[in-house]
């Protein structure tokens, strides 16, 4: 990730409540998915698939916000 994008993410986390909420949600979902799947991915199921879609949606929304701010 380029440094300018990292700086923009840090700035948006501090100044944009929607971006900050999406960022937090994305990382919480990532942690939950990792816990459910386990170290070898054997815990994959419909719940994990749903969480991954939710995580992707949050990432897509964050990307839209990033693009609007460039």
PDB file of N, CA and C in Angstrom:
ATOM      1  N   UNK A   1       0.846  -1.168   0.000  1.00  0.00           N
ATOM      2  CA  UNK A   1       0.000   0.000   0.000  1.00  0.00           C
ATOM      3  C   UNK A   1       0.899   1.241   0.000  1.00  0.00           C
ATOM      4  N   UNK A   2       0.677   2.146  -0.941  1.00  0.00           N
ATOM      5  CA  UNK A   2       1.493   3.363  -1.003  1.00  0.00           C
ATOM      6  C   UNK A   2       1.369   4.203   0.264  1.00  0.00           C
ATOM      7  N   UNK A   3       2.427   4.923   0.571  1.00  0.00           N
ATOM      8  CA  UNK A   3       2.437   5.751   1.779  1.00  0.00           C
ATOM      9  C   UNK A   3       1.350   6.807   1.761  1.00  0.00           C
ATOM     10  N   UNK A   4       1.058   7.389   0.586  1.00  0.00           N
ATOM     11  CA  UNK A   4       0.016   8.410   0.534  1.00  0.00           C
ATOM     12  C   UNK A   4      -1.351   7.816   0.863  1.00  0.00           C
ATOM     13  N   UNK A   5      -1.589   6.569   0.460  1.00  0.00           N
ATOM     14  CA  UNK A   5      -2.859   5.921   0.792  1.00  0.00           C
ATOM     15  C   UNK A   5      -2.917   5.601   2.285  1.00  0.00           C
ATOM     16  N   UNK A   6      -1.807   5.165   2.859  1.00  0.00           N
ATOM     17  CA  UNK A   6      -1.768   4.900   4.297  1.00  0.00           C
ATOM     18  C   UNK A   6      -2.050   6.173   5.079  1.00  0.00           C
ATOM     19  N   UNK A   7      -1.470   7.283   4.646  1.00  0.00           N
ATOM     20  CA  UNK A   7      -1.689   8.567   5.319  1.00  0.00           C
ATOM     21  C   UNK A   7      -3.149   8.982   5.210  1.00  0.00           C
ATOM     22  N   UNK A   8      -3.753   8.762   4.047  1.00  0.00           N
ATOM     23  CA  UNK A   8      -5.159   9.106   3.860  1.00  0.00           C
ATOM     24  C   UNK A   8      -6.047   8.246   4.763  1.00  0.00           C
ATOM     25  N   UNK A   9      -5.717   6.979   4.908  1.00  0.00           N
ATOM     26  CA  UNK A   9      -6.489   6.092   5.784  1.00  0.00           C
ATOM     27  C   UNK A   9      -6.416   6.580   7.225  1.00  0.00           C
ATOM     28  N   UNK A  10      -5.226   6.935   7.676  1.00  0.00           N
ATOM     29  CA  UNK A  10      -5.062   7.452   9.042  1.00  0.00           C
ATOM     30  C   UNK A  10      -5.883   8.723   9.219  1.00  0.00           C
ATOM     31  N   UNK A  11      -5.824   9.601   8.237  1.00  0.00           N
ATOM     32  CA  UNK A  11      -6.575  10.859   8.305  1.00  0.00           C
ATOM     33  C   UNK A  11      -8.079  10.590   8.345  1.00  0.00           C
ATOM     34  N   UNK A  12      -8.559   9.692   7.496  1.00  0.00           N
ATOM     35  CA  UNK A  12      -9.992   9.394   7.447  1.00  0.00           C
ATOM     36  C   UNK A  12     -10.479   8.708   8.724  1.00  0.00           C
ATOM     37  N   UNK A  13      -9.636   7.860   9.309  1.00  0.00           N
ATOM     38  CA  UNK A  13     -10.029   7.219  10.574  1.00  0.00           C
ATOM     39  C   UNK A  13     -10.280   8.263  11.653  1.00  0.00           C
ATOM     40  N   UNK A  14      -9.531   9.371  11.597  1.00  0.00           N
ATOM     41  CA  UNK A  14      -9.669  10.428  12.599  1.00  0.00           C
ATOM     42  C   UNK A  14     -10.761  11.437  12.259  1.00  0.00           C
ATOM     43  N   UNK A  15     -11.038  11.637  10.968  1.00  0.00           N
ATOM     44  CA  UNK A  15     -11.923  12.735  10.582  1.00  0.00           C
ATOM     45  C   UNK A  15     -13.267  12.307  10.005  1.00  0.00           C
ATOM     46  N   UNK A  16     -13.409  11.056   9.606  1.00  0.00           N
ATOM     47  CA  UNK A  16     -14.632  10.599   8.960  1.00  0.00           C
ATOM     48  C   UNK A  16     -15.242   9.469   9.794  1.00  0.00           C
ATOM     49  N   UNK A  17     -16.309   9.766  10.539  1.00  0.00           N
ATOM     50  CA  UNK A  17     -16.907   8.743  11.410  1.00  0.00           C
ATOM     51  C   UNK A  17     -17.371   7.490  10.653  1.00  0.00           C
ATOM     52  N   UNK A  18     -17.888   7.660   9.447  1.00  0.00           N
ATOM     53  CA  UNK A  18     -18.344   6.511   8.667  1.00  0.00           C
ATOM     54  C   UNK A  18     -17.159   5.610   8.293  1.00  0.00           C
ATOM     55  N   UNK A  19     -16.075   6.227   7.837  1.00  0.00           N
ATOM     56  CA  UNK A  19     -14.882   5.458   7.483  1.00  0.00           C
ATOM     57  C   UNK A  19     -14.323   4.755   8.714  1.00  0.00           C
ATOM     58  N   UNK A  20     -14.266   5.461   9.829  1.00  0.00           N
ATOM     59  CA  UNK A  20     -13.736   4.875  11.067  1.00  0.00           C
ATOM     60  C   UNK A  20     -14.564   3.661  11.489  1.00  0.00           C
ATOM     61  N   UNK A  21     -15.895   3.768  11.379  1.00  0.00           N
ATOM     62  CA  UNK A  21     -16.768   2.652  11.749  1.00  0.00           C
ATOM     63  C   UNK A  21     -16.565   1.465  10.810  1.00  0.00           C
ATOM     64  N   UNK A  22     -16.445   1.743   9.520  1.00  0.00           N
ATOM     65  CA  UNK A  22     -16.207   0.670   8.550  1.00  0.00           C
ATOM     66  C   UNK A  22     -14.859  -0.002   8.783  1.00  0.00           C
ATOM     67  N   UNK A  23     -13.847   0.799   9.084  1.00  0.00           N
ATOM     68  CA  UNK A  23     -12.501   0.277   9.344  1.00  0.00           C
ATOM     69  C   UNK A  23     -12.527  -0.661  10.552  1.00  0.00           C
ATOM     70  N   UNK A  24     -13.170  -0.226  11.613  1.00  0.00           N
ATOM     71  CA  UNK A  24     -13.278  -1.045  12.822  1.00  0.00           C
ATOM     72  C   UNK A  24     -14.056  -2.330  12.539  1.00  0.00           C
ATOM     73  N   UNK A  25     -15.182  -2.201  11.838  1.00  0.00           N
ATOM     74  CA  UNK A  25     -16.001  -3.368  11.509  1.00  0.00           C
ATOM     75  C   UNK A  25     -15.202  -4.366  10.666  1.00  0.00           C
ATOM     76  N   UNK A  26     -14.463  -3.869   9.679  1.00  0.00           N
ATOM     77  CA  UNK A  26     -13.658  -4.726   8.809  1.00  0.00           C
ATOM     78  C   UNK A  26     -12.655  -5.539   9.627  1.00  0.00           C
ATOM     79  N   UNK A  27     -11.986  -4.878  10.562  1.00  0.00           N
ATOM     80  CA  UNK A  27     -10.977  -5.575  11.362  1.00  0.00           C
ATOM     81  C   UNK A  27     -11.609  -6.528  12.384  1.00  0.00           C
ATOM     82  N   UNK A  28     -12.766  -6.159  12.928  1.00  0.00           N
ATOM     83  CA  UNK A  28     -13.460  -7.067  13.840  1.00  0.00           C
ATOM     84  C   UNK A  28     -13.922  -8.319  13.101  1.00  0.00           C
ATOM     85  N   UNK A  29     -14.466  -8.129  11.900  1.00  0.00           N
ATOM     86  CA  UNK A  29     -14.898  -9.274  11.102  1.00  0.00           C
ATOM     87  C   UNK A  29     -13.709 -10.164  10.738  1.00  0.00           C
ATOM     88  N   UNK A  30     -12.593  -9.554  10.408  1.00  0.00           N
ATOM     89  CA  UNK A  30     -11.391 -10.316  10.074  1.00  0.00           C
ATOM     90  C   UNK A  30     -10.966 -11.203  11.247  1.00  0.00           C
ATOM     91  N   UNK A  31     -10.979 -10.635  12.447  1.00  0.00           N
ATOM     92  CA  UNK A  31     -10.613 -11.404  13.641  1.00  0.00           C
ATOM     93  C   UNK A  31     -11.602 -12.538  13.897  1.00  0.00           C
ATOM     94  N   UNK A  32     -12.895 -12.235  13.740  1.00  0.00           N
ATOM     95  CA  UNK A  32     -13.925 -13.252  13.976  1.00  0.00           C
ATOM     96  C   UNK A  32     -13.807 -14.392  12.960  1.00  0.00           C
ATOM     97  N   UNK A  33     -13.572 -14.052  11.708  1.00  0.00           N
ATOM     98  CA  UNK A  33     -13.412 -15.062  10.662  1.00  0.00           C
ATOM     99  C   UNK A  33     -12.209 -15.953  10.964  1.00  0.00           C
ATOM    100  N   UNK A  34     -11.103 -15.340  11.330  1.00  0.00           N
ATOM    101  CA  UNK A  34      -9.890 -16.113  11.637  1.00  0.00           C
ATOM    102  C   UNK A  34     -10.136 -17.072  12.795  1.00  0.00           C
ATOM    103  N   UNK A  35     -10.869 -16.605  13.798  1.00  0.00           N
ATOM    104  CA  UNK A  35     -11.154 -17.460  14.957  1.00  0.00           C
ATOM    105  C   UNK A  35     -12.054 -18.634  14.558  1.00  0.00           C
ATOM    106  N   UNK A  36     -13.084 -18.364  13.749  1.00  0.00           N
ATOM    107  CA  UNK A  36     -14.015 -19.416  13.351  1.00  0.00           C
ATOM    108  C   UNK A  36     -13.374 -20.430  12.401  1.00  0.00           C
ATOM    109  N   UNK A  37     -12.550 -19.949  11.491  1.00  0.00           N
ATOM    110  CA  UNK A  37     -11.922 -20.848  10.520  1.00  0.00           C
ATOM    111  C   UNK A  37     -10.843 -21.712  11.151  1.00  0.00           C
ATOM    112  N   UNK A  38     -10.178 -21.186  12.138  1.00  0.00           N
ATOM    113  CA  UNK A  38      -9.076 -21.918  12.747  1.00  0.00           C
ATOM    114  C   UNK A  38      -7.812 -21.756  11.924  1.00  0.00           C
ATOM    115  N   UNK A  39      -6.706 -22.245  12.451  1.00  0.00           N
ATOM    116  CA  UNK A  39      -5.411 -22.031  11.792  1.00  0.00           C
ATOM    117  C   UNK A  39      -5.278 -22.704  10.422  1.00  0.00           C
ATOM    118  N   UNK A  40      -6.016 -23.772  10.198  1.00  0.00           N
ATOM    119  CA  UNK A  40      -5.886 -24.473   8.915  1.00  0.00           C
ATOM    120  C   UNK A  40      -7.094 -24.272   7.999  1.00  0.00           C
ATOM    121  N   UNK A  41      -8.025 -23.396   8.390  1.00  0.00           N
ATOM    122  CA  UNK A  41      -9.185 -23.109   7.555  1.00  0.00           C
ATOM    123  C   UNK A  41     -10.263 -24.167   7.594  1.00  0.00           C
ATOM    124  N   UNK A  42     -10.159 -25.127   8.510  1.00  0.00           N
ATOM    125  CA  UNK A  42     -11.105 -26.243   8.564  1.00  0.00           C
ATOM    126  C   UNK A  42     -12.487 -25.827   9.054  1.00  0.00           C
ATOM    127  N   UNK A  43     -12.599 -24.659   9.670  1.00  0.00           N
ATOM    128  CA  UNK A  43     -13.883 -24.234  10.209  1.00  0.00           C
ATOM    129  C   UNK A  43     -14.750 -23.472   9.230  1.00  0.00           C
ATOM    130  N   UNK A  44     -14.398 -23.496   7.945  1.00  0.00           N
ATOM    131  CA  UNK A  44     -15.174 -22.768   6.940  1.00  0.00           C
ATOM    132  C   UNK A  44     -16.576 -23.357   6.848  1.00  0.00           C
ATOM    133  N   UNK A  45     -17.591 -22.469   6.882  1.00  0.00           N
ATOM    134  CA  UNK A  45     -18.985 -22.890   6.763  1.00  0.00           C
ATOM    135  C   UNK A  45     -19.808 -21.709   6.257  1.00  0.00           C
ATOM    136  N   UNK A  46     -21.130 -21.853   6.252  1.00  0.00           N
ATOM    137  CA  UNK A  46     -22.003 -20.788   5.744  1.00  0.00           C
ATOM    138  C   UNK A  46     -21.881 -19.508   6.560  1.00  0.00           C
ATOM    139  N   UNK A  47     -21.693 -19.625   7.862  1.00  0.00           N
ATOM    140  CA  UNK A  47     -21.534 -18.438   8.709  1.00  0.00           C
ATOM    141  C   UNK A  47     -20.276 -17.667   8.330  1.00  0.00           C
ATOM    142  N   UNK A  48     -19.209 -18.385   8.101  1.00  0.00           N
ATOM    143  CA  UNK A  48     -17.947 -17.752   7.710  1.00  0.00           C
ATOM    144  C   UNK A  48     -18.113 -17.096   6.337  1.00  0.00           C
ATOM    145  N   UNK A  49     -18.791 -17.762   5.426  1.00  0.00           N
ATOM    146  CA  UNK A  49     -19.018 -17.195   4.095  1.00  0.00           C
ATOM    147  C   UNK A  49     -19.804 -15.892   4.201  1.00  0.00           C
ATOM    148  N   UNK A  50     -20.818 -15.859   5.072  1.00  0.00           N
ATOM    149  CA  UNK A  50     -21.615 -14.648   5.268  1.00  0.00           C
ATOM    150  C   UNK A  50     -20.757 -13.532   5.836  1.00  0.00           C
ATOM    151  N   UNK A  51     -19.916 -13.865   6.822  1.00  0.00           N
ATOM    152  CA  UNK A  51     -19.036 -12.863   7.425  1.00  0.00           C
ATOM    153  C   UNK A  51     -18.032 -12.325   6.407  1.00  0.00           C
ATOM    154  N   UNK A  52     -17.547 -13.199   5.537  1.00  0.00           N
ATOM    155  CA  UNK A  52     -16.595 -12.757   4.514  1.00  0.00           C
ATOM    156  C   UNK A  52     -17.262 -11.800   3.524  1.00  0.00           C
ATOM    157  N   UNK A  53     -18.511 -12.055   3.193  1.00  0.00           N
ATOM    158  CA  UNK A  53     -19.238 -11.138   2.306  1.00  0.00           C
ATOM    159  C   UNK A  53     -19.448  -9.790   2.985  1.00  0.00           C
ATOM    160  N   UNK A  54     -19.774  -9.822   4.266  1.00  0.00           N
ATOM    161  CA  UNK A  54     -19.957  -8.591   5.032  1.00  0.00           C
ATOM    162  C   UNK A  54     -18.640  -7.807   5.105  1.00  0.00           C
ATOM    163  N   UNK A  55     -17.549  -8.514   5.311  1.00  0.00           N
ATOM    164  CA  UNK A  55     -16.224  -7.883   5.362  1.00  0.00           C
ATOM    165  C   UNK A  55     -15.880  -7.251   4.011  1.00  0.00           C
ATOM    166  N   UNK A  56     -16.165  -7.953   2.933  1.00  0.00           N
ATOM    167  CA  UNK A  56     -15.905  -7.428   1.596  1.00  0.00           C
ATOM    168  C   UNK A  56     -16.742  -6.179   1.322  1.00  0.00           C
ATOM    169  N   UNK A  57     -17.986  -6.190   1.775  1.00  0.00           N
ATOM    170  CA  UNK A  57     -18.852  -5.018   1.607  1.00  0.00           C
ATOM    171  C   UNK A  57     -18.258  -3.813   2.343  1.00  0.00           C
ATOM    172  N   UNK A  58     -17.783  -4.018   3.559  1.00  0.00           N
ATOM    173  CA  UNK A  58     -17.159  -2.929   4.320  1.00  0.00           C
ATOM    174  C   UNK A  58     -15.919  -2.421   3.588  1.00  0.00           C
ATOM    175  N   UNK A  59     -15.124  -3.338   3.055  1.00  0.00           N
ATOM    176  CA  UNK A  59     -13.914  -2.946   2.322  1.00  0.00           C
ATOM    177  C   UNK A  59     -14.278  -2.142   1.076  1.00  0.00           C
ATOM    178  N   UNK A  60     -15.307  -2.577   0.357  1.00  0.00           N
ATOM    179  CA  UNK A  60     -15.743  -1.849  -0.840  1.00  0.00           C
ATOM    180  C   UNK A  60     -16.198  -0.435  -0.493  1.00  0.00           C
ATOM    181  N   UNK A  61     -16.941  -0.292   0.606  1.00  0.00           N
ATOM    182  CA  UNK A  61     -17.391   1.034   1.032  1.00  0.00           C
ATOM    183  C   UNK A  61     -16.207   1.913   1.422  1.00  0.00           C
ATOM    184  N   UNK A  62     -15.231   1.341   2.119  1.00  0.00           N
ATOM    185  CA  UNK A  62     -14.035   2.113   2.474  1.00  0.00           C
ATOM    186  C   UNK A  62     -13.297   2.556   1.213  1.00  0.00           C
ATOM    187  N   UNK A  63     -13.215   1.679   0.230  1.00  0.00           N
ATOM    188  CA  UNK A  63     -12.529   2.014  -1.021  1.00  0.00           C
ATOM    189  C   UNK A  63     -13.240   3.157  -1.735  1.00  0.00           C
ATOM    190  N   UNK A  64     -14.571   3.152  -1.724  1.00  0.00           N
ATOM    191  CA  UNK A  64     -15.326   4.251  -2.342  1.00  0.00           C
ATOM    192  C   UNK A  64     -15.013   5.576  -1.662  1.00  0.00           C
ATOM    193  N   UNK A  65     -14.966   5.554  -0.340  1.00  0.00           N
ATOM    194  CA  UNK A  65     -14.652   6.775   0.408  1.00  0.00           C
ATOM    195  C   UNK A  65     -13.240   7.242   0.073  1.00  0.00           C
ATOM    196  N   UNK A  66     -12.291   6.319   0.017  1.00  0.00           N
ATOM    197  CA  UNK A  66     -10.910   6.671  -0.334  1.00  0.00           C
ATOM    198  C   UNK A  66     -10.843   7.319  -1.717  1.00  0.00           C
ATOM    199  N   UNK A  67     -11.556   6.748  -2.672  1.00  0.00           N
ATOM    200  CA  UNK A  67     -11.533   7.286  -4.032  1.00  0.00           C
ATOM    201  C   UNK A  67     -12.154   8.677  -4.089  1.00  0.00           C
ATOM    202  N   UNK A  68     -13.199   8.915  -3.302  1.00  0.00           N
ATOM    203  CA  UNK A  68     -13.834  10.234  -3.268  1.00  0.00           C
ATOM    204  C   UNK A  68     -12.906  11.288  -2.682  1.00  0.00           C
ATOM    205  N   UNK A  69     -12.008  10.882  -1.815  1.00  0.00           N
ATOM    206  CA  UNK A  69     -11.124  11.828  -1.123  1.00  0.00           C
ATOM    207  C   UNK A  69      -9.817  12.080  -1.863  1.00  0.00           C
ATOM    208  N   UNK A  70      -9.584  11.401  -2.937  1.00  0.00           N
ATOM    209  CA  UNK A  70      -8.331  11.606  -3.697  1.00  0.00           C
ATOM    210  C   UNK A  70      -8.445  12.776  -4.620  1.00  0.00           C
TER     211      UNK A  70
END
